[in-house]
Amino acid sequence: MNKIKVLIIDDEQLARDLLKNYLSRDPRLELVGECSNGFEGVLSIQELKPDLVFLDIQMPKITGFEMLELLNEPPVIIFATAYEEFAIRAFEANAVDYLLKPYPIERVQVAIEKALKSIQSGNGNKAELEHLSQAHEEHSGLLSRIVVKSGSKIRIIPVDTIDYLESEDDFVMIYCKEGHFLKQKTMKFFENHLDPKKFIRIHRSCMVNSSQIAEIQQYGKESWILLTKQGAKLKISKSGYLILKQFLAGEIG
């Protein structure tokens, strides 16, 4: 039987060393790498193609959940976390394994056995991870940034730098000062997670940052165009125009 390739992603050196010590005792496992942040983690997963990843949630630069969003085909994941009630409930409800820091070797061994069964079944735990991510999204508040992958690069987009967003099938194109980037999310997600005092849904397929509105032009009886400060021309729906009108009246008032 081929050894199971394992990758550790954790910003704490002591946590990585402890896991490495535990993993070295299991001859079925081969540690192929370790990373101290999510940027390195995404690249290492692409390059090393591990079967199993131990992933810390709270890390600098990008979190474990943000990192997970950037993976099309994630390996089996075991999360590592400090105590947080919602996270624990979410893991258990969605059958995704986790290690609560500081973790004893017995708990790590239980997690490994569960992971090996998922790997050997050929199903992994992708479905469980998707359900967990959805639960995390529902629990999380307003976004302050969006993490996107552009080629081999990972970018962090502060929401204040966004000009507008447009839906493209199962993706949303984010237009900002640095360019435009695809994110596999829905417009409904962004409508629920962007500050409604700053972002307006002017069309079922478009949201705009109110600070980027330059002009509104009417070109028909019930047809309008919004011009952004960057020169983009965005179609406004009838319902979007009413929302925009109310928003701007509130700002003026």
C-alpha atoms as a PDB file:
ATOM      1  CA  MET A   1       0.000   0.000   0.000  1.00  0.00           C
ATOM      2  CA  ASN A   2       1.280   3.449  -0.928  1.00  0.00           C
ATOM      3  CA  LYS A   3       1.871   5.813   1.928  1.00  0.00           C
ATOM      4  CA  ILE A   4      -0.651   8.583   2.559  1.00  0.00           C
ATOM      5  CA  LYS A   5       0.894  11.959   1.723  1.00  0.00           C
ATOM      6  CA  VAL A   6       0.317  14.510   4.476  1.00  0.00           C
ATOM      7  CA  LEU A   7       0.717  18.297   4.517  1.00  0.00           C
ATOM      8  CA  ILE A   8       0.567  20.504   7.635  1.00  0.00           C
ATOM      9  CA  ILE A   9      -0.600  24.125   7.349  1.00  0.00           C
ATOM     10  CA  ASP A  10      -0.325  26.022  10.624  1.00  0.00           C
ATOM     11  CA  ASP A  11       1.299  29.313  11.560  1.00  0.00           C
ATOM     12  CA  GLU A  12       2.436  27.994  14.968  1.00  0.00           C
ATOM     13  CA  GLN A  13       5.803  26.232  14.863  1.00  0.00           C
ATOM     14  CA  LEU A  14       5.092  24.352  18.103  1.00  0.00           C
ATOM     15  CA  ALA A  15       1.810  23.021  16.716  1.00  0.00           C
ATOM     16  CA  ARG A  16       3.544  21.841  13.533  1.00  0.00           C
ATOM     17  CA  ASP A  17       6.334  20.181  15.512  1.00  0.00           C
ATOM     18  CA  LEU A  18       3.836  18.379  17.723  1.00  0.00           C
ATOM     19  CA  LEU A  19       1.914  17.064  14.731  1.00  0.00           C
ATOM     20  CA  LYS A  20       5.115  16.004  12.981  1.00  0.00           C
ATOM     21  CA  ASN A  21       6.090  14.039  16.067  1.00  0.00           C
ATOM     22  CA  TYR A  22       2.716  12.282  16.144  1.00  0.00           C
ATOM     23  CA  LEU A  23       2.695  11.572  12.404  1.00  0.00           C
ATOM     24  CA  SER A  24       6.223  10.107  12.481  1.00  0.00           C
ATOM     25  CA  ARG A  25       4.888   7.263  14.629  1.00  0.00           C
ATOM     26  CA  ASP A  26       2.483   6.061  11.940  1.00  0.00           C
ATOM     27  CA  PRO A  27       4.258   4.122   9.145  1.00  0.00           C
ATOM     28  CA  ARG A  28       1.275   4.550   6.835  1.00  0.00           C
ATOM     29  CA  LEU A  29       1.881   8.302   6.606  1.00  0.00           C
ATOM     30  CA  GLU A  30       4.466  10.361   4.746  1.00  0.00           C
ATOM     31  CA  LEU A  31       4.881  14.024   5.653  1.00  0.00           C
ATOM     32  CA  VAL A  32       5.506  15.800   2.333  1.00  0.00           C
ATOM     33  CA  GLY A  33       5.609  19.373   3.603  1.00  0.00           C
ATOM     34  CA  GLU A  34       4.639  22.025   6.108  1.00  0.00           C
ATOM     35  CA  CYS A  35       3.470  25.614   5.626  1.00  0.00           C
ATOM     36  CA  SER A  36       3.144  28.561   7.973  1.00  0.00           C
ATOM     37  CA  ASN A  37       0.361  30.392   6.105  1.00  0.00           C
ATOM     38  CA  GLY A  38      -2.485  29.900   3.651  1.00  0.00           C
ATOM     39  CA  PHE A  39      -0.643  31.406   0.673  1.00  0.00           C
ATOM     40  CA  GLU A  40       2.045  28.741   0.937  1.00  0.00           C
ATOM     41  CA  GLY A  41      -0.646  26.177   1.652  1.00  0.00           C
ATOM     42  CA  VAL A  42      -2.551  26.690  -1.600  1.00  0.00           C
ATOM     43  CA  LEU A  43       0.633  26.488  -3.681  1.00  0.00           C
ATOM     44  CA  SER A  44       1.889  23.427  -1.782  1.00  0.00           C
ATOM     45  CA  ILE A  45      -1.404  21.593  -2.270  1.00  0.00           C
ATOM     46  CA  GLN A  46      -1.208  22.273  -6.013  1.00  0.00           C
ATOM     47  CA  GLU A  47       2.421  21.181  -6.198  1.00  0.00           C
ATOM     48  CA  LEU A  48       2.604  18.285  -3.715  1.00  0.00           C
ATOM     49  CA  LYS A  49      -0.946  16.933  -4.153  1.00  0.00           C
ATOM     50  CA  PRO A  50      -1.275  15.600  -0.596  1.00  0.00           C
ATOM     51  CA  ASP A  51      -3.965  13.097   0.310  1.00  0.00           C
ATOM     52  CA  LEU A  52      -4.500  14.612   3.743  1.00  0.00           C
ATOM     53  CA  VAL A  53      -4.050  18.141   5.112  1.00  0.00           C
ATOM     54  CA  PHE A  54      -4.017  19.318   8.706  1.00  0.00           C
ATOM     55  CA  LEU A  55      -5.301  22.889   8.391  1.00  0.00           C
ATOM     56  CA  ASP A  56      -5.266  25.596  11.034  1.00  0.00           C
ATOM     57  CA  ILE A  57      -8.251  27.966  10.906  1.00  0.00           C
ATOM     58  CA  GLN A  58      -6.864  31.174  12.395  1.00  0.00           C
ATOM     59  CA  MET A  59      -3.763  32.154  10.443  1.00  0.00           C
ATOM     60  CA  PRO A  60      -2.258  35.463   9.302  1.00  0.00           C
ATOM     61  CA  LYS A  61      -2.781  36.646   5.719  1.00  0.00           C
ATOM     62  CA  ILE A  62      -5.712  34.315   4.949  1.00  0.00           C
ATOM     63  CA  THR A  63      -7.735  32.030   7.204  1.00  0.00           C
ATOM     64  CA  GLY A  64      -8.246  28.308   6.756  1.00  0.00           C
ATOM     65  CA  PHE A  65     -11.761  28.896   5.424  1.00  0.00           C
ATOM     66  CA  GLU A  66     -10.553  31.523   2.945  1.00  0.00           C
ATOM     67  CA  MET A  67      -7.863  29.123   1.800  1.00  0.00           C
ATOM     68  CA  LEU A  68     -10.424  26.371   1.334  1.00  0.00           C
ATOM     69  CA  GLU A  69     -12.408  28.633  -1.025  1.00  0.00           C
ATOM     70  CA  LEU A  70      -9.424  28.728  -3.385  1.00  0.00           C
ATOM     71  CA  LEU A  71      -9.233  24.938  -3.833  1.00  0.00           C
ATOM     72  CA  ASN A  72     -11.188  23.312  -6.655  1.00  0.00           C
ATOM     73  CA  GLU A  73     -10.488  19.744  -5.544  1.00  0.00           C
ATOM     74  CA  PRO A  74      -9.489  19.811  -1.878  1.00  0.00           C
ATOM     75  CA  PRO A  75      -7.770  16.812  -0.312  1.00  0.00           C
ATOM     76  CA  VAL A  76      -9.205  15.333   2.878  1.00  0.00           C
ATOM     77  CA  ILE A  77      -8.996  18.057   5.514  1.00  0.00           C
ATOM     78  CA  ILE A  78      -8.618  17.807   9.279  1.00  0.00           C
ATOM     79  CA  PHE A  79      -9.033  21.241  10.857  1.00  0.00           C
ATOM     80  CA  ALA A  80      -7.064  22.463  13.838  1.00  0.00           C
ATOM     81  CA  THR A  81      -8.710  25.100  15.969  1.00  0.00           C
ATOM     82  CA  ALA A  82      -8.736  26.830  19.311  1.00  0.00           C
ATOM     83  CA  TYR A  83     -12.076  26.601  21.076  1.00  0.00           C
ATOM     84  CA  GLU A  84     -14.951  28.421  19.412  1.00  0.00           C
ATOM     85  CA  GLU A  85     -18.464  27.171  20.059  1.00  0.00           C
ATOM     86  CA  PHE A  86     -19.935  27.745  16.609  1.00  0.00           C
ATOM     87  CA  ALA A  87     -16.975  26.149  14.845  1.00  0.00           C
ATOM     88  CA  ILE A  88     -17.231  23.023  16.972  1.00  0.00           C
ATOM     89  CA  ARG A  89     -20.983  22.710  16.376  1.00  0.00           C
ATOM     90  CA  ALA A  90     -20.495  23.273  12.641  1.00  0.00           C
ATOM     91  CA  PHE A  91     -17.777  20.612  12.381  1.00  0.00           C
ATOM     92  CA  GLU A  92     -19.857  18.052  14.206  1.00  0.00           C
ATOM     93  CA  ALA A  93     -23.040  18.847  12.269  1.00  0.00           C
ATOM     94  CA  ASN A  94     -21.261  18.476   8.929  1.00  0.00           C
ATOM     95  CA  ALA A  95     -19.115  15.428   9.807  1.00  0.00           C
ATOM     96  CA  VAL A  96     -15.822  17.255   9.230  1.00  0.00           C
ATOM     97  CA  ASP A  97     -13.129  16.241  11.679  1.00  0.00           C
ATOM     98  CA  TYR A  98     -11.272  18.751  13.810  1.00  0.00           C
ATOM     99  CA  LEU A  99      -8.577  18.862  16.455  1.00  0.00           C
ATOM    100  CA  LEU A 100      -9.029  21.135  19.424  1.00  0.00           C
ATOM    101  CA  LYS A 101      -5.771  22.752  20.490  1.00  0.00           C
ATOM    102  CA  PRO A 102      -3.833  21.551  22.415  1.00  0.00           C
ATOM    103  CA  TYR A 103      -4.525  18.068  21.070  1.00  0.00           C
ATOM    104  CA  PRO A 104      -3.358  14.781  22.638  1.00  0.00           C
ATOM    105  CA  ILE A 105      -1.939  12.016  20.478  1.00  0.00           C
ATOM    106  CA  GLU A 106      -4.979   9.803  21.084  1.00  0.00           C
ATOM    107  CA  ARG A 107      -7.280  12.396  19.497  1.00  0.00           C
ATOM    108  CA  VAL A 108      -4.940  12.811  16.522  1.00  0.00           C
ATOM    109  CA  GLN A 109      -4.926   9.046  15.989  1.00  0.00           C
ATOM    110  CA  VAL A 110      -8.745   8.956  15.949  1.00  0.00           C
ATOM    111  CA  ALA A 111      -8.785  11.770  13.364  1.00  0.00           C
ATOM    112  CA  ILE A 112      -6.196   9.975  11.218  1.00  0.00           C
ATOM    113  CA  GLU A 113      -8.211   6.735  11.200  1.00  0.00           C
ATOM    114  CA  LYS A 114     -11.321   8.609  10.131  1.00  0.00           C
ATOM    115  CA  ALA A 115      -9.370  10.428   7.399  1.00  0.00           C
ATOM    116  CA  LEU A 116      -7.841   7.199   6.096  1.00  0.00           C
ATOM    117  CA  LYS A 117     -11.310   5.685   5.704  1.00  0.00           C
ATOM    118  CA  SER A 118     -12.411   8.725   3.686  1.00  0.00           C
ATOM    119  CA  ILE A 119      -9.310   8.495   1.483  1.00  0.00           C
ATOM    120  CA  GLN A 120      -9.613   4.748   0.935  1.00  0.00           C
ATOM    121  CA  SER A 121     -13.301   5.049   0.055  1.00  0.00           C
ATOM    122  CA  GLY A 122     -12.304   7.344  -2.809  1.00  0.00           C
ATOM    123  CA  ASN A 123     -14.969   9.863  -1.794  1.00  0.00           C
ATOM    124  CA  GLY A 124     -12.820  12.146   0.376  1.00  0.00           C
ATOM    125  CA  ASN A 125     -14.725  14.714   2.403  1.00  0.00           C
ATOM    126  CA  LYS A 126     -15.397  17.373  -0.243  1.00  0.00           C
ATOM    127  CA  ALA A 127     -19.187  17.291   0.235  1.00  0.00           C
ATOM    128  CA  GLU A 128     -18.796  17.683   4.001  1.00  0.00           C
ATOM    129  CA  LEU A 129     -16.374  20.573   3.493  1.00  0.00           C
ATOM    130  CA  GLU A 130     -18.853  22.337   1.196  1.00  0.00           C
ATOM    131  CA  HIS A 131     -21.605  22.014   3.785  1.00  0.00           C
ATOM    132  CA  LEU A 132     -19.246  23.293   6.473  1.00  0.00           C
ATOM    133  CA  SER A 133     -18.252  26.282   4.332  1.00  0.00           C
ATOM    134  CA  GLN A 134     -21.922  27.136   3.779  1.00  0.00           C
ATOM    135  CA  ALA A 135     -22.562  26.981   7.527  1.00  0.00           C
ATOM    136  CA  HIS A 136     -19.539  29.206   8.110  1.00  0.00           C
ATOM    137  CA  GLU A 137     -20.802  31.732   5.550  1.00  0.00           C
ATOM    138  CA  GLU A 138     -24.238  31.887   7.165  1.00  0.00           C
ATOM    139  CA  HIS A 139     -22.643  32.533  10.549  1.00  0.00           C
ATOM    140  CA  SER A 140     -20.086  35.102   9.385  1.00  0.00           C
ATOM    141  CA  GLY A 141     -20.912  38.810   9.317  1.00  0.00           C
ATOM    142  CA  LEU A 142     -20.197  41.493   6.740  1.00  0.00           C
ATOM    143  CA  LEU A 143     -17.126  41.077   4.569  1.00  0.00           C
ATOM    144  CA  SER A 144     -14.173  43.402   4.981  1.00  0.00           C
ATOM    145  CA  ARG A 145     -12.141  41.659   2.259  1.00  0.00           C
ATOM    146  CA  ILE A 146     -12.444  39.034  -0.466  1.00  0.00           C
ATOM    147  CA  VAL A 147      -9.734  36.500  -1.244  1.00  0.00           C
ATOM    148  CA  VAL A 148      -9.409  35.504  -4.918  1.00  0.00           C
ATOM    149  CA  LYS A 149      -7.063  33.389  -6.971  1.00  0.00           C
ATOM    150  CA  SER A 150      -5.685  34.862 -10.192  1.00  0.00           C
ATOM    151  CA  GLY A 151      -3.517  32.369 -12.052  1.00  0.00           C
ATOM    152  CA  SER A 152      -0.851  31.315  -9.588  1.00  0.00           C
ATOM    153  CA  LYS A 153      -1.338  34.430  -7.471  1.00  0.00           C
ATOM    154  CA  ILE A 154      -3.611  34.963  -4.487  1.00  0.00           C
ATOM    155  CA  ARG A 155      -5.012  38.438  -3.979  1.00  0.00           C
ATOM    156  CA  ILE A 156      -6.780  40.028  -1.046  1.00  0.00           C
ATOM    157  CA  ILE A 157      -9.317  42.633  -2.156  1.00  0.00           C
ATOM    158  CA  PRO A 158     -10.473  45.111   0.535  1.00  0.00           C
ATOM    159  CA  VAL A 159     -14.190  45.637  -0.095  1.00  0.00           C
ATOM    160  CA  ASP A 160     -13.729  49.410   0.020  1.00  0.00           C
ATOM    161  CA  THR A 161     -11.675  49.184  -3.192  1.00  0.00           C
ATOM    162  CA  ILE A 162     -14.450  47.421  -5.135  1.00  0.00           C
ATOM    163  CA  ASP A 163     -16.177  49.453  -7.867  1.00  0.00           C
ATOM    164  CA  TYR A 164     -18.920  46.975  -8.740  1.00  0.00           C
ATOM    165  CA  LEU A 165     -19.739  43.267  -9.083  1.00  0.00           C
ATOM    166  CA  GLU A 166     -21.418  41.422 -11.957  1.00  0.00           C
ATOM    167  CA  SER A 167     -22.713  37.852 -12.035  1.00  0.00           C
ATOM    168  CA  GLU A 168     -21.325  35.452 -14.636  1.00  0.00           C
ATOM    169  CA  ASP A 169     -23.161  32.105 -14.445  1.00  0.00           C
ATOM    170  CA  ASP A 170     -21.942  30.396 -11.245  1.00  0.00           C
ATOM    171  CA  PHE A 171     -19.336  33.103 -10.640  1.00  0.00           C
ATOM    172  CA  VAL A 172     -19.227  36.784  -9.809  1.00  0.00           C
ATOM    173  CA  MET A 173     -16.760  39.138 -11.484  1.00  0.00           C
ATOM    174  CA  ILE A 174     -15.354  41.654  -9.032  1.00  0.00           C
ATOM    175  CA  TYR A 175     -14.205  44.954 -10.551  1.00  0.00           C
ATOM    176  CA  CYS A 176     -11.777  46.903  -8.376  1.00  0.00           C
ATOM    177  CA  LYS A 177      -8.779  49.215  -8.540  1.00  0.00           C
ATOM    178  CA  GLU A 178      -6.389  46.323  -9.228  1.00  0.00           C
ATOM    179  CA  GLY A 179      -8.420  44.892 -12.104  1.00  0.00           C
ATOM    180  CA  HIS A 180     -11.217  42.320 -12.291  1.00  0.00           C
ATOM    181  CA  PHE A 181     -11.316  38.878 -10.698  1.00  0.00           C
ATOM    182  CA  LEU A 182     -13.704  35.921 -10.715  1.00  0.00           C
ATOM    183  CA  LYS A 183     -15.046  34.482  -7.479  1.00  0.00           C
ATOM    184  CA  GLN A 184     -17.167  31.328  -7.309  1.00  0.00           C
ATOM    185  CA  LYS A 185     -19.978  32.851  -5.285  1.00  0.00           C
ATOM    186  CA  THR A 186     -23.491  34.057  -6.023  1.00  0.00           C
ATOM    187  CA  MET A 187     -24.793  37.618  -6.131  1.00  0.00           C
ATOM    188  CA  LYS A 188     -27.110  36.633  -3.292  1.00  0.00           C
ATOM    189  CA  PHE A 189     -24.064  35.786  -1.172  1.00  0.00           C
ATOM    190  CA  PHE A 190     -22.544  39.205  -1.769  1.00  0.00           C
ATOM    191  CA  GLU A 191     -25.890  40.935  -1.211  1.00  0.00           C
ATOM    192  CA  ASN A 192     -26.033  39.229   2.200  1.00  0.00           C
ATOM    193  CA  HIS A 193     -22.383  39.856   3.117  1.00  0.00           C
ATOM    194  CA  LEU A 194     -21.555  43.321   1.785  1.00  0.00           C
ATOM    195  CA  ASP A 195     -22.501  46.390   3.797  1.00  0.00           C
ATOM    196  CA  PRO A 196     -25.978  47.498   2.580  1.00  0.00           C
ATOM    197  CA  LYS A 197     -25.064  51.061   3.550  1.00  0.00           C
ATOM    198  CA  LYS A 198     -22.344  50.984   0.878  1.00  0.00           C
ATOM    199  CA  PHE A 199     -23.350  48.450  -1.796  1.00  0.00           C
ATOM    200  CA  ILE A 200     -26.550  48.623  -3.848  1.00  0.00           C
ATOM    201  CA  ARG A 201     -28.130  45.904  -5.990  1.00  0.00           C
ATOM    202  CA  ILE A 202     -29.041  47.923  -9.088  1.00  0.00           C
ATOM    203  CA  HIS A 203     -29.852  44.871 -11.205  1.00  0.00           C
ATOM    204  CA  ARG A 204     -30.293  41.161 -10.536  1.00  0.00           C
ATOM    205  CA  SER A 205     -26.832  40.682 -12.060  1.00  0.00           C
ATOM    206  CA  CYS A 206     -25.065  43.761 -10.663  1.00  0.00           C
ATOM    207  CA  MET A 207     -24.116  45.473  -7.395  1.00  0.00           C
ATOM    208  CA  VAL A 208     -22.305  48.791  -7.189  1.00  0.00           C
ATOM    209  CA  ASN A 209     -20.260  50.531  -4.522  1.00  0.00           C
ATOM    210  CA  SER A 210     -22.195  53.735  -3.795  1.00  0.00           C
ATOM    211  CA  SER A 211     -18.964  55.706  -3.433  1.00  0.00           C
ATOM    212  CA  GLN A 212     -18.191  54.929  -7.092  1.00  0.00           C
ATOM    213  CA  ILE A 213     -21.416  56.369  -8.553  1.00  0.00           C
ATOM    214  CA  ALA A 214     -20.651  59.255 -10.892  1.00  0.00           C
ATOM    215  CA  GLU A 215     -23.928  59.764 -12.749  1.00  0.00           C
ATOM    216  CA  ILE A 216     -27.322  58.224 -13.516  1.00  0.00           C
ATOM    217  CA  GLN A 217     -28.689  58.681 -17.037  1.00  0.00           C
ATOM    218  CA  GLN A 218     -32.161  57.940 -18.378  1.00  0.00           C
ATOM    219  CA  TYR A 219     -32.293  56.731 -21.967  1.00  0.00           C
ATOM    220  CA  GLY A 220     -35.897  55.515 -22.192  1.00  0.00           C
ATOM    221  CA  LYS A 221     -39.226  55.684 -20.408  1.00  0.00           C
ATOM    222  CA  GLU A 222     -38.121  53.158 -17.760  1.00  0.00           C
ATOM    223  CA  SER A 223     -34.490  52.578 -18.694  1.00  0.00           C
ATOM    224  CA  TRP A 224     -31.443  53.930 -16.880  1.00  0.00           C
ATOM    225  CA  ILE A 225     -27.685  53.656 -16.987  1.00  0.00           C
ATOM    226  CA  LEU A 226     -25.317  54.172 -14.081  1.00  0.00           C
ATOM    227  CA  LEU A 227     -21.885  55.593 -14.839  1.00  0.00           C
ATOM    228  CA  THR A 228     -19.106  54.806 -12.364  1.00  0.00           C
ATOM    229  CA  LYS A 229     -16.191  57.091 -11.596  1.00  0.00           C
ATOM    230  CA  GLN A 230     -13.984  54.648 -13.496  1.00  0.00           C
ATOM    231  CA  GLY A 231     -16.111  55.028 -16.634  1.00  0.00           C
ATOM    232  CA  ALA A 232     -18.095  51.762 -16.527  1.00  0.00           C
ATOM    233  CA  LYS A 233     -21.692  51.839 -17.821  1.00  0.00           C
ATOM    234  CA  LEU A 234     -24.058  49.637 -15.805  1.00  0.00           C
ATOM    235  CA  LYS A 235     -27.672  48.852 -16.628  1.00  0.00           C
ATOM    236  CA  ILE A 236     -30.197  49.660 -13.908  1.00  0.00           C
ATOM    237  CA  SER A 237     -33.383  47.598 -13.645  1.00  0.00           C
ATOM    238  CA  LYS A 238     -36.737  49.140 -12.761  1.00  0.00           C
ATOM    239  CA  SER A 239     -36.626  47.722  -9.222  1.00  0.00           C
ATOM    240  CA  GLY A 240     -32.942  48.624  -8.975  1.00  0.00           C
ATOM    241  CA  TYR A 241     -33.744  52.220  -9.874  1.00  0.00           C
ATOM    242  CA  LEU A 242     -36.295  52.439  -7.052  1.00  0.00           C
ATOM    243  CA  ILE A 243     -33.781  51.006  -4.585  1.00  0.00           C
ATOM    244  CA  LEU A 244     -31.106  53.393  -5.853  1.00  0.00           C
ATOM    245  CA  LYS A 245     -33.483  56.337  -5.641  1.00  0.00           C
ATOM    246  CA  GLN A 246     -34.382  55.494  -2.033  1.00  0.00           C
ATOM    247  CA  PHE A 247     -30.715  54.991  -1.150  1.00  0.00           C
ATOM    248  CA  LEU A 248     -29.617  58.323  -2.597  1.00  0.00           C
ATOM    249  CA  ALA A 249     -32.570  60.143  -1.026  1.00  0.00           C
ATOM    250  CA  GLY A 250     -31.541  58.712   2.336  1.00  0.00           C
ATOM    251  CA  GLU A 251     -27.972  59.864   1.774  1.00  0.00           C
ATOM    252  CA  ILE A 252     -29.111  63.364   0.848  1.00  0.00           C
ATOM    253  CA  GLY A 253     -31.576  63.494   3.705  1.00  0.00           C
END
